[in-house]
N, C-alpha and C. Protein backbone atom coordinates (compact mmCIF):
# COMPACT_ATOMS: atom_id res chain seq x y z
N MET A 1 -12.92 10.53 16.64
CA MET A 1 -11.58 10.53 17.19
C MET A 1 -11.64 9.94 18.59
N LEU A 2 -10.76 8.99 18.84
CA LEU A 2 -10.69 8.37 20.16
C LEU A 2 -9.67 9.10 21.02
N ALA A 3 -10.05 9.31 22.25
CA ALA A 3 -9.12 9.87 23.22
C ALA A 3 -8.23 8.73 23.74
N PRO A 4 -7.05 9.03 24.25
CA PRO A 4 -6.20 7.98 24.80
C PRO A 4 -6.95 7.15 25.83
N GLY A 5 -6.86 5.83 25.69
CA GLY A 5 -7.50 4.92 26.63
C GLY A 5 -8.92 4.51 26.23
N GLU A 6 -9.54 5.19 25.26
CA GLU A 6 -10.88 4.82 24.82
C GLU A 6 -10.79 3.65 23.84
N ALA A 7 -11.90 2.96 23.66
CA ALA A 7 -11.94 1.78 22.79
C ALA A 7 -13.01 1.94 21.73
N ALA A 8 -12.81 1.23 20.63
CA ALA A 8 -13.81 1.16 19.56
C ALA A 8 -13.74 -0.26 18.99
N HIS A 9 -14.77 -0.67 18.26
CA HIS A 9 -14.78 -2.00 17.65
C HIS A 9 -15.43 -1.94 16.28
N THR A 10 -15.18 -2.98 15.49
CA THR A 10 -15.76 -3.12 14.16
C THR A 10 -15.91 -4.59 13.84
N ALA A 11 -16.71 -4.90 12.85
CA ALA A 11 -16.86 -6.28 12.36
C ALA A 11 -16.00 -6.44 11.12
N LEU A 12 -15.28 -7.56 11.04
CA LEU A 12 -14.47 -7.88 9.86
C LEU A 12 -15.09 -9.05 9.12
N THR A 13 -15.13 -8.97 7.80
CA THR A 13 -15.62 -10.05 6.96
C THR A 13 -14.50 -10.45 6.02
N PHE A 14 -14.17 -11.73 5.99
CA PHE A 14 -13.14 -12.26 5.11
C PHE A 14 -13.82 -13.00 3.97
N ALA A 15 -13.45 -12.68 2.73
CA ALA A 15 -14.09 -13.32 1.58
C ALA A 15 -13.08 -13.50 0.47
N HIS A 16 -13.23 -14.60 -0.29
CA HIS A 16 -12.38 -14.81 -1.45
C HIS A 16 -12.83 -13.83 -2.52
N ASN A 17 -11.89 -13.15 -3.15
CA ASN A 17 -12.22 -12.14 -4.15
C ASN A 17 -12.73 -12.80 -5.43
N PRO A 18 -14.01 -12.58 -5.79
CA PRO A 18 -14.56 -13.23 -6.99
C PRO A 18 -14.04 -12.65 -8.29
N MET A 19 -13.36 -11.51 -8.26
CA MET A 19 -12.85 -10.90 -9.48
C MET A 19 -11.66 -11.66 -10.06
N ILE A 20 -11.09 -12.58 -9.30
CA ILE A 20 -9.93 -13.33 -9.75
C ILE A 20 -10.32 -14.37 -10.79
N GLY A 21 -11.53 -14.88 -10.73
CA GLY A 21 -11.99 -15.88 -11.69
C GLY A 21 -12.24 -17.22 -11.03
N VAL A 22 -12.85 -18.09 -11.80
CA VAL A 22 -13.25 -19.39 -11.26
C VAL A 22 -12.07 -20.35 -11.14
N SER A 23 -10.91 -20.00 -11.67
CA SER A 23 -9.76 -20.90 -11.61
C SER A 23 -9.02 -20.84 -10.28
N ALA A 24 -9.46 -19.99 -9.37
CA ALA A 24 -8.78 -19.87 -8.08
C ALA A 24 -8.85 -21.19 -7.32
N GLN A 25 -7.73 -21.60 -6.77
CA GLN A 25 -7.66 -22.84 -6.01
C GLN A 25 -7.35 -22.52 -4.55
N CYS A 26 -8.20 -23.01 -3.66
CA CYS A 26 -8.00 -22.80 -2.22
C CYS A 26 -7.98 -24.17 -1.54
N PRO A 27 -6.84 -24.89 -1.66
CA PRO A 27 -6.79 -26.27 -1.19
C PRO A 27 -6.68 -26.44 0.32
N GLY A 28 -6.32 -25.42 1.03
CA GLY A 28 -6.12 -25.60 2.46
C GLY A 28 -6.39 -24.33 3.23
N SER A 29 -5.81 -24.26 4.41
CA SER A 29 -5.99 -23.08 5.24
C SER A 29 -4.66 -22.73 5.89
N VAL A 30 -4.58 -21.51 6.37
CA VAL A 30 -3.38 -21.03 7.05
C VAL A 30 -3.82 -20.27 8.29
N ARG A 31 -3.08 -20.46 9.37
CA ARG A 31 -3.38 -19.77 10.63
C ARG A 31 -2.48 -18.56 10.74
N THR A 32 -3.04 -17.47 11.22
CA THR A 32 -2.26 -16.27 11.46
C THR A 32 -2.66 -15.67 12.80
N VAL A 33 -1.80 -14.84 13.35
CA VAL A 33 -2.12 -14.22 14.63
C VAL A 33 -2.01 -12.70 14.57
N TRP A 34 -1.66 -12.15 13.40
CA TRP A 34 -1.51 -10.70 13.28
C TRP A 34 -2.26 -10.20 12.06
N LEU A 35 -2.83 -9.04 12.18
CA LEU A 35 -3.51 -8.36 11.08
C LEU A 35 -2.89 -6.98 10.97
N ARG A 36 -2.43 -6.61 9.76
CA ARG A 36 -1.87 -5.27 9.55
C ARG A 36 -3.01 -4.31 9.24
N VAL A 37 -3.12 -3.25 10.00
CA VAL A 37 -4.17 -2.24 9.82
C VAL A 37 -3.51 -0.91 9.52
N TYR A 38 -3.92 -0.31 8.40
CA TYR A 38 -3.39 1.01 8.03
C TYR A 38 -4.41 2.07 8.44
N PRO A 39 -4.15 2.83 9.51
CA PRO A 39 -5.06 3.90 9.91
C PRO A 39 -5.15 4.96 8.81
N PRO A 40 -6.24 5.73 8.79
CA PRO A 40 -6.38 6.78 7.77
C PRO A 40 -5.17 7.72 7.74
N ASP A 41 -4.72 8.04 6.53
CA ASP A 41 -3.61 8.96 6.30
C ASP A 41 -2.28 8.49 6.89
N GLN A 42 -2.14 7.20 7.13
CA GLN A 42 -0.90 6.64 7.67
C GLN A 42 -0.27 5.70 6.65
N TYR A 43 1.04 5.61 6.66
CA TYR A 43 1.75 4.74 5.73
C TYR A 43 2.42 3.56 6.42
N VAL A 44 2.34 3.54 7.74
CA VAL A 44 2.92 2.45 8.52
C VAL A 44 1.76 1.71 9.20
N PRO A 45 1.70 0.39 9.03
CA PRO A 45 0.57 -0.33 9.63
C PRO A 45 0.72 -0.50 11.14
N ALA A 46 -0.41 -0.58 11.80
CA ALA A 46 -0.46 -0.99 13.19
C ALA A 46 -0.69 -2.50 13.18
N LEU A 47 0.00 -3.24 14.02
CA LEU A 47 -0.20 -4.68 14.10
C LEU A 47 -1.23 -4.98 15.18
N VAL A 48 -2.29 -5.66 14.80
CA VAL A 48 -3.38 -6.01 15.71
C VAL A 48 -3.36 -7.52 15.89
N ARG A 49 -3.31 -7.97 17.13
CA ARG A 49 -3.31 -9.41 17.39
C ARG A 49 -4.72 -9.94 17.12
N LEU A 50 -4.80 -10.88 16.18
CA LEU A 50 -6.09 -11.46 15.79
C LEU A 50 -5.82 -12.88 15.35
N ASP A 51 -6.12 -13.84 16.19
CA ASP A 51 -5.86 -15.25 15.92
C ASP A 51 -7.00 -15.81 15.07
N PHE A 52 -6.70 -16.16 13.81
CA PHE A 52 -7.75 -16.72 12.95
C PHE A 52 -7.14 -17.60 11.88
N THR A 53 -8.00 -18.39 11.23
CA THR A 53 -7.61 -19.26 10.13
C THR A 53 -8.31 -18.77 8.88
N ALA A 54 -7.57 -18.66 7.78
CA ALA A 54 -8.12 -18.19 6.51
C ALA A 54 -7.76 -19.18 5.41
N ALA A 55 -8.44 -19.08 4.28
CA ALA A 55 -8.16 -19.95 3.15
C ALA A 55 -6.76 -19.67 2.61
N ALA A 56 -6.09 -20.73 2.18
CA ALA A 56 -4.76 -20.62 1.57
C ALA A 56 -4.95 -20.82 0.07
N CYS A 57 -5.03 -19.73 -0.67
CA CYS A 57 -5.31 -19.79 -2.10
C CYS A 57 -4.03 -19.71 -2.91
N THR A 58 -3.92 -20.56 -3.94
CA THR A 58 -2.75 -20.53 -4.81
C THR A 58 -2.96 -19.58 -5.98
N ASN A 59 -4.19 -19.24 -6.27
CA ASN A 59 -4.49 -18.33 -7.37
C ASN A 59 -5.66 -17.47 -6.91
N GLY A 60 -5.41 -16.24 -6.58
CA GLY A 60 -6.46 -15.39 -6.03
C GLY A 60 -6.00 -14.85 -4.69
N PHE A 61 -6.86 -14.12 -4.03
CA PHE A 61 -6.50 -13.56 -2.74
C PHE A 61 -7.74 -13.34 -1.91
N GLU A 62 -7.52 -13.22 -0.63
CA GLU A 62 -8.61 -12.96 0.31
C GLU A 62 -8.78 -11.46 0.48
N THR A 63 -10.02 -11.03 0.59
CA THR A 63 -10.33 -9.62 0.79
C THR A 63 -10.94 -9.47 2.17
N VAL A 64 -10.53 -8.42 2.88
CA VAL A 64 -11.08 -8.16 4.21
C VAL A 64 -11.90 -6.88 4.13
N PHE A 65 -13.14 -6.97 4.56
CA PHE A 65 -14.02 -5.81 4.62
C PHE A 65 -14.20 -5.42 6.08
N ALA A 66 -14.05 -4.15 6.37
CA ALA A 66 -14.25 -3.66 7.74
C ALA A 66 -15.51 -2.82 7.79
N GLY A 67 -16.34 -3.10 8.78
CA GLY A 67 -17.57 -2.32 8.97
C GLY A 67 -17.26 -1.00 9.65
N PRO A 68 -18.27 -0.23 9.95
CA PRO A 68 -18.05 1.07 10.61
C PRO A 68 -17.55 0.88 12.04
N LEU A 69 -16.72 1.80 12.49
CA LEU A 69 -16.25 1.78 13.87
C LEU A 69 -17.38 2.22 14.79
N ARG A 70 -17.50 1.50 15.90
CA ARG A 70 -18.52 1.83 16.89
C ARG A 70 -17.82 2.06 18.22
N PRO A 71 -18.32 3.01 19.02
CA PRO A 71 -17.67 3.28 20.30
C PRO A 71 -17.81 2.12 21.27
N GLY A 72 -16.83 2.00 22.15
CA GLY A 72 -16.88 0.96 23.19
C GLY A 72 -16.24 -0.34 22.75
N ALA A 73 -15.98 -1.20 23.73
CA ALA A 73 -15.41 -2.52 23.46
C ALA A 73 -16.51 -3.44 22.94
N ALA A 74 -16.12 -4.42 22.15
CA ALA A 74 -17.08 -5.37 21.58
C ALA A 74 -17.54 -6.35 22.64
């Protein structure tokens, strides 16, 4: 549990989901600046500013894996 004003960090890995099949087409990329994060036991996401480019897939989807939270800023 973080106290007000404390920081934590984690590593994010973005990967195309292989369960969709080999027919997935990712012809380009899309830039985004926000990531929706659902904290444990919450139903409303927190918006985290994160400027990144990801694959733009027409069939399939991207999966985001989050590593363990570590204390302190990255």
